[in-house]
C-alpha atoms as a PDB file:
ATOM      1  CA  MET A   1     124.663 108.649 130.422  1.00  0.00           C
ATOM      2  CA  ASP A   2     125.002 111.929 128.644  1.00  0.00           C
ATOM      3  CA  TRP A   3     121.101 113.074 127.742  1.00  0.00           C
ATOM      4  CA  CYS A   4     121.437 115.385 124.995  1.00  0.00           C
ATOM      5  CA  ARG A   5     122.917 111.672 122.639  1.00  0.00           C
ATOM      6  CA  TYR A   6     119.999 110.726 121.021  1.00  0.00           C
ATOM      7  CA  ARG A   7     120.278 107.408 118.870  1.00  0.00           C
ATOM      8  CA  PHE A   8     117.185 106.831 117.000  1.00  0.00           C
ATOM      9  CA  ARG A   9     115.529 104.298 114.311  1.00  0.00           C
ATOM     10  CA  SER A  10     112.656 103.207 111.986  1.00  0.00           C
ATOM     11  CA  HIS A  11     111.262 101.361 109.133  1.00  0.00           C
ATOM     12  CA  TRP A  12     109.462 102.232 106.567  1.00  0.00           C
ATOM     13  CA  ASP A  13     107.953  99.854 104.572  1.00  0.00           C
ATOM     14  CA  LEU A  14     107.231 101.312 100.755  1.00  0.00           C
ATOM     15  CA  ASP A  15     104.534 100.875  98.188  1.00  0.00           C
ATOM     16  CA  ALA A  16     107.369 101.283  95.851  1.00  0.00           C
ATOM     17  CA  PRO A  17     110.938 100.010  93.751  1.00  0.00           C
ATOM     18  CA  PRO A  18     113.870 100.136  95.637  1.00  0.00           C
ATOM     19  CA  ALA A  19     115.277 102.240  93.509  1.00  0.00           C
ATOM     20  CA  ALA A  20     111.836 105.606  93.816  1.00  0.00           C
ATOM     21  CA  VAL A  21     112.374 104.982  96.373  1.00  0.00           C
ATOM     22  CA  TYR A  22     116.762 105.943  96.897  1.00  0.00           C
ATOM     23  CA  ARG A  23     115.852 108.500  94.337  1.00  0.00           C
ATOM     24  CA  LEU A  24     113.803 110.784  96.036  1.00  0.00           C
ATOM     25  CA  LEU A  25     115.391 110.293  99.742  1.00  0.00           C
ATOM     26  CA  ALA A  26     118.710 111.214  97.851  1.00  0.00           C
ATOM     27  CA  ALA A  27     117.419 114.474  96.606  1.00  0.00           C
ATOM     28  CA  GLY A  28     117.242 116.294 100.519  1.00  0.00           C
ATOM     29  CA  ASP A  29     116.212 120.157  98.281  1.00  0.00           C
ATOM     30  CA  ASP A  30     113.124 118.553  97.602  1.00  0.00           C
ATOM     31  CA  TYR A  31     112.148 117.338 101.240  1.00  0.00           C
ATOM     32  CA  PRO A  32     110.163 120.737 102.393  1.00  0.00           C
ATOM     33  CA  GLY A  33     108.155 119.293  98.902  1.00  0.00           C
ATOM     34  CA  TRP A  34     106.885 116.078 101.236  1.00  0.00           C
ATOM     35  CA  TRP A  35     107.561 116.504 104.802  1.00  0.00           C
ATOM     36  CA  PRO A  36     106.083 118.867 106.520  1.00  0.00           C
ATOM     37  CA  GLN A  37     108.663 118.970 108.990  1.00  0.00           C
ATOM     38  CA  VAL A  38     111.471 119.571 107.207  1.00  0.00           C
ATOM     39  CA  ARG A  39     110.412 123.799 106.942  1.00  0.00           C
ATOM     40  CA  GLU A  40     113.530 124.424 104.512  1.00  0.00           C
ATOM     41  CA  ALA A  41     116.912 122.829 102.913  1.00  0.00           C
ATOM     42  CA  VAL A  42     119.207 124.306 100.905  1.00  0.00           C
ATOM     43  CA  ARG A  43     121.741 123.228  98.715  1.00  0.00           C
ATOM     44  CA  SER A  44     125.191 124.741  99.282  1.00  0.00           C
ATOM     45  CA  ASP A  45     127.528 122.943  96.773  1.00  0.00           C
ATOM     46  CA  GLU A  46     127.676 119.481  95.516  1.00  0.00           C
ATOM     47  CA  ARG A  47     128.245 117.941  98.928  1.00  0.00           C
ATOM     48  CA  THR A  48     125.993 120.194 101.500  1.00  0.00           C
ATOM     49  CA  GLY A  49     123.744 122.089 102.291  1.00  0.00           C
ATOM     50  CA  THR A  50     121.576 123.452 105.014  1.00  0.00           C
ATOM     51  CA  ALA A  51     118.431 122.760 106.239  1.00  0.00           C
ATOM     52  CA  ARG A  52     115.765 124.174 109.456  1.00  0.00           C
ATOM     53  CA  PHE A  53     112.899 121.345 110.847  1.00  0.00           C
ATOM     54  CA  ARG A  54     110.771 122.093 113.724  1.00  0.00           C
ATOM     55  CA  SER A  55     107.769 119.535 114.381  1.00  0.00           C
ATOM     56  CA  MET A  56     105.016 119.351 117.227  1.00  0.00           C
ATOM     57  CA  ILE A  57     107.327 121.189 119.691  1.00  0.00           C
ATOM     58  CA  PRO A  58     107.756 124.957 118.099  1.00  0.00           C
ATOM     59  CA  TYR A  59     111.040 125.460 118.225  1.00  0.00           C
ATOM     60  CA  ASP A  60     113.533 125.343 114.863  1.00  0.00           C
ATOM     61  CA  LEU A  61     116.092 123.343 114.727  1.00  0.00           C
ATOM     62  CA  VAL A  62     118.760 124.377 112.115  1.00  0.00           C
ATOM     63  CA  ILE A  63     121.581 122.128 110.814  1.00  0.00           C
ATOM     64  CA  THR A  64     124.787 121.986 108.124  1.00  0.00           C
ATOM     65  CA  VAL A  65     124.518 118.750 106.186  1.00  0.00           C
ATOM     66  CA  ARG A  66     127.657 116.937 104.824  1.00  0.00           C
ATOM     67  CA  GLU A  67     126.725 114.101 102.427  1.00  0.00           C
ATOM     68  CA  ALA A  68     129.241 111.254 103.878  1.00  0.00           C
ATOM     69  CA  ARG A  69     128.287 108.797 101.085  1.00  0.00           C
ATOM     70  CA  GLN A  70     125.559 108.219  98.546  1.00  0.00           C
ATOM     71  CA  ASP A  71     125.760 104.400  97.144  1.00  0.00           C
ATOM     72  CA  PRO A  72     122.280 103.716  95.295  1.00  0.00           C
ATOM     73  CA  ALA A  73     123.968 100.084  94.968  1.00  0.00           C
ATOM     74  CA  ALA A  74     124.406  99.068  98.436  1.00  0.00           C
ATOM     75  CA  GLY A  75     120.789 102.069  98.614  1.00  0.00           C
ATOM     76  CA  VAL A  76     122.352 103.415 101.342  1.00  0.00           C
ATOM     77  CA  LEU A  77     122.825 107.625 101.597  1.00  0.00           C
ATOM     78  CA  GLU A  78     124.777 108.700 104.497  1.00  0.00           C
ATOM     79  CA  MET A  79     125.132 112.304 106.402  1.00  0.00           C
ATOM     80  CA  THR A  80     127.387 113.824 109.037  1.00  0.00           C
ATOM     81  CA  PHE A  81     125.274 116.861 111.350  1.00  0.00           C
ATOM     82  CA  SER A  82     126.012 120.197 112.371  1.00  0.00           C
ATOM     83  CA  GLY A  83     124.424 123.028 113.419  1.00  0.00           C
ATOM     84  CA  ASP A  84     121.957 122.586 116.093  1.00  0.00           C
ATOM     85  CA  LEU A  85     122.410 118.555 116.522  1.00  0.00           C
ATOM     86  CA  GLU A  86     125.551 117.316 115.786  1.00  0.00           C
ATOM     87  CA  GLY A  87     126.466 113.621 114.411  1.00  0.00           C
ATOM     88  CA  TRP A  88     125.487 111.337 111.697  1.00  0.00           C
ATOM     89  CA  ALA A  89     122.170 110.051 110.133  1.00  0.00           C
ATOM     90  CA  ARG A  90     121.993 107.497 107.903  1.00  0.00           C
ATOM     91  CA  TRP A  91     119.428 105.473 105.322  1.00  0.00           C
ATOM     92  CA  THR A  92     119.594 101.910 103.800  1.00  0.00           C
ATOM     93  CA  VAL A  93     116.352 101.126 101.221  1.00  0.00           C
ATOM     94  CA  THR A  94     116.801  97.639 100.337  1.00  0.00           C
ATOM     95  CA  ALA A  95     113.538  95.670  98.629  1.00  0.00           C
ATOM     96  CA  ARG A  96     110.789  94.442 100.061  1.00  0.00           C
ATOM     97  CA  GLY A  97     108.305  91.974  98.666  1.00  0.00           C
ATOM     98  CA  SER A  98     107.348  94.488  96.240  1.00  0.00           C
ATOM     99  CA  GLY A  99     108.397  97.256  97.635  1.00  0.00           C
ATOM    100  CA  ALA A 100     110.683  98.698  99.695  1.00  0.00           C
ATOM    101  CA  ARG A 101     112.361  99.091 103.110  1.00  0.00           C
ATOM    102  CA  ALA A 102     113.978 102.616 104.703  1.00  0.00           C
ATOM    103  CA  ARG A 103     115.994 102.361 107.050  1.00  0.00           C
ATOM    104  CA  PHE A 104     116.431 105.224 108.866  1.00  0.00           C
ATOM    105  CA  GLU A 105     119.172 105.258 111.575  1.00  0.00           C
ATOM    106  CA  GLN A 106     120.724 108.521 113.936  1.00  0.00           C
ATOM    107  CA  ASP A 107     122.942 109.311 115.948  1.00  0.00           C
ATOM    108  CA  VAL A 108     123.174 113.304 117.367  1.00  0.00           C
ATOM    109  CA  VAL A 109     124.169 114.833 119.905  1.00  0.00           C
ATOM    110  CA  VAL A 110     121.961 118.412 121.533  1.00  0.00           C
ATOM    111  CA  ARG A 111     123.406 121.573 120.600  1.00  0.00           C
ATOM    112  CA  LYS A 112     121.500 124.338 120.779  1.00  0.00           C
ATOM    113  CA  PRO A 113     121.393 125.790 124.360  1.00  0.00           C
ATOM    114  CA  LEU A 114     118.220 125.965 125.179  1.00  0.00           C
ATOM    115  CA  LEU A 115     117.177 122.516 124.786  1.00  0.00           C
ATOM    116  CA  ARG A 116     120.309 120.785 126.321  1.00  0.00           C
ATOM    117  CA  LEU A 117     119.165 122.743 129.004  1.00  0.00           C
ATOM    118  CA  PHE A 118     115.895 121.160 129.398  1.00  0.00           C
ATOM    119  CA  ALA A 119     117.513 117.710 128.383  1.00  0.00           C
ATOM    120  CA  LEU A 120     116.203 115.299 131.179  1.00  0.00           C
ATOM    121  CA  PRO A 121     113.215 116.463 131.804  1.00  0.00           C
ATOM    122  CA  GLY A 122     112.602 117.004 128.118  1.00  0.00           C
ATOM    123  CA  ARG A 123     113.887 114.160 127.039  1.00  0.00           C
ATOM    124  CA  PRO A 124     110.796 112.250 126.813  1.00  0.00           C
ATOM    125  CA  LEU A 125     109.075 114.817 125.289  1.00  0.00           C
ATOM    126  CA  PHE A 126     112.016 114.788 122.404  1.00  0.00           C
ATOM    127  CA  ARG A 127     111.540 111.557 121.623  1.00  0.00           C
ATOM    128  CA  LEU A 128     107.894 111.797 121.134  1.00  0.00           C
ATOM    129  CA  ASN A 129     108.766 114.788 119.137  1.00  0.00           C
ATOM    130  CA  HIS A 130     110.865 112.627 116.924  1.00  0.00           C
ATOM    131  CA  ALA A 131     108.869 110.145 115.711  1.00  0.00           C
ATOM    132  CA  MET A 132     105.944 112.711 115.161  1.00  0.00           C
ATOM    133  CA  MET A 133     108.065 114.261 113.068  1.00  0.00           C
ATOM    134  CA  MET A 134     109.165 110.642 111.145  1.00  0.00           C
ATOM    135  CA  ARG A 135     105.878 109.491 111.410  1.00  0.00           C
ATOM    136  CA  GLY A 136     105.074 112.811 108.696  1.00  0.00           C
ATOM    137  CA  GLY A 137     108.046 112.020 106.591  1.00  0.00           C
ATOM    138  CA  ARG A 138     106.896 108.014 106.213  1.00  0.00           C
ATOM    139  CA  ARG A 139     103.497 109.827 105.167  1.00  0.00           C
ATOM    140  CA  GLY A 140     104.352 112.444 103.071  1.00  0.00           C
ATOM    141  CA  LEU A 141     106.777 109.601 101.179  1.00  0.00           C
ATOM    142  CA  ARG A 142     103.999 107.006 101.048  1.00  0.00           C
ATOM    143  CA  ALA A 143     102.003 110.023  98.834  1.00  0.00           C
ATOM    144  CA  ARG A 144     104.432 111.962  96.949  1.00  0.00           C
ATOM    145  CA  LEU A 145     105.951 108.420  95.563  1.00  0.00           C
ATOM    146  CA  ALA A 146     102.174 107.385  95.291  1.00  0.00           C
ATOM    147  CA  ALA A 147     101.888 110.385  93.028  1.00  0.00           C
ATOM    148  CA  ARG A 148     104.521 109.597  90.923  1.00  0.00           C
ATOM    149  CA  PRO A 149     104.841 107.396  88.791  1.00  0.00           C
ATOM    150  CA  PRO A 150     107.593 104.367  89.502  1.00  0.00           C
ATOM    151  CA  GLY A 151     111.058 105.450  87.616  1.00  0.00           C
ATOM    152  CA  ALA A 152     110.052 109.511  87.373  1.00  0.00           C
ATOM    153  CA  HIS A 153     112.421 111.671  87.989  1.00  0.00           C
ATOM    154  CA  SER A 154     112.110 115.114  89.668  1.00  0.00           C
ATOM    155  CA  VAL A 155     112.904 117.916  87.455  1.00  0.00           C
END
């Protein structure tokens, strides 16, 4: 087993139309406005940017994010990562009742040296850290969706 490899899955059930959820998730450079653990997101070009994030562990992770797939009709956003994390993540947004479900999947290998050093003893804490980050993101997205009329676009 590679103790530096992580696979995560999360489901966020949201009271908003799938198209509105997809639009917010597709605007990666807006994440710091609603996801507290995403400290910075800067677009470099149409398909690439950098992100800096931190959850409860006082340690920043910096990654380069590259768009791999953006398919609004299928509700799929895929990206690849390099830097402190290497791998991929995918959002899949589907209708669920009168709202939407956003499914997040991620498969990454930690490259940050200090986190690799503590890979085995720190693994439960790192998984908890990720769960806390996802909880903060779900809350932030719900609040952002509630504050904006469905179909509204960011400026």
